[in-house]
């Protein structure tokens, strides 16, 4: 049965993060499977929309959230556009303004609501200036509890994020559905490395993600400094940008590794694949993720991954099978794990082969099928409740 779906998110392309990539993959795959999907999200400066079924709220950037516009009222024009369609289900992906608007519109139109919990929001309390972090975390927890206990079903990408919801008294039925990895283009490794000017003997550790305080990046640079002492051919490349870039460059200078670290900066999603293809090892220090989307992307290119345990990122790795999980959040343990993988050719080959196999099991098509099953479940439940209510009356 083809479904008519309204998706609400405060984070959508061209904003580049795990939520926007996940939403884009879901929209594309649901449409490929014959469903009608309409996306509601904020405007982005100078972005020219190419999708007729994407509706953008008027939005404004703040000094603290450059590159992440916030929708602002009134919303009456957007509500009229919403009412032009008859939707079967509403799916909200964020707890911000657009996500909350989607929840309220669904309630007022008596539509079933599914919500995905993508982000450990309390780990981002430092972005609110002038307010104690403890208070911000308390308010985030209360808002999370309020929103997710009002929806009909919760989707979460990992066991770690599900535990966080349960710990904060979210009692709504929930299902773990990891974000799928899209099929990737095939690149000739030697050609890509030659085009990037990488000598054959040089080995690249790759980090892909935002340069942000919550990503535990100081530990990454400290690890690199230790690893560089043992391997003169080792380099660290960082693909991505963010508010912590200046501090990251300062760390590299202070540690004396500036000549062996490359800040690539922002790279369009389709270009990131070239960097995965050119790298030798993927390294990820963050302990605040709900899932390891970039780890799954790296695995799709056969890259062994070394990640620090914590959050949902390390749960994407089967330790010793398709990567290595570092149990202690410390640079020395991180460096030892990196050097062990790179120095043992047999271990490296086994991890690389297993990484490819693991990535094939997490397709975007399968993700969309499972989410569509959740949609049908909540639609059937609401239909049954209406019939029961009509019978009682």
Foldseek 3Di string as FASTA:
>chain_A
DAFEEEEWEQDAPVLDADLNVLVVLLVVLSVVVPHHYAYEYADDPPDDDDDPRYHHADWDDDPLRPSRTAHDDDCVVVVVVVVVDDGQEYEYEDLGDRSVVSLVSCVVVVHAYEYEDWFPVLLVLVSDPPDDSVVVSVVVLVSLQVVLLSHQEYEYAFPQVVVVCVVSPRPHHYDHAHRADAQADDDDQVVLCVVVVQDPQAAEEEEEREQDPQQLCLLVLLLVLVLCVVPVRYAYEYEEYYDCVVVNCVSCVVSVNNVRYYDPYYDPPNVVLSVLSHHAAYEGEHQGGQAQRVLLVSLLNLHAYEYEDHHHHCVLDDDLQQYHYQDDSHSVSSNVRVCVCVVDPVSSNRNSVRSNVSNVVRHSNVSNVVVVVVSVVSSVVSVVVVVVVVVVD
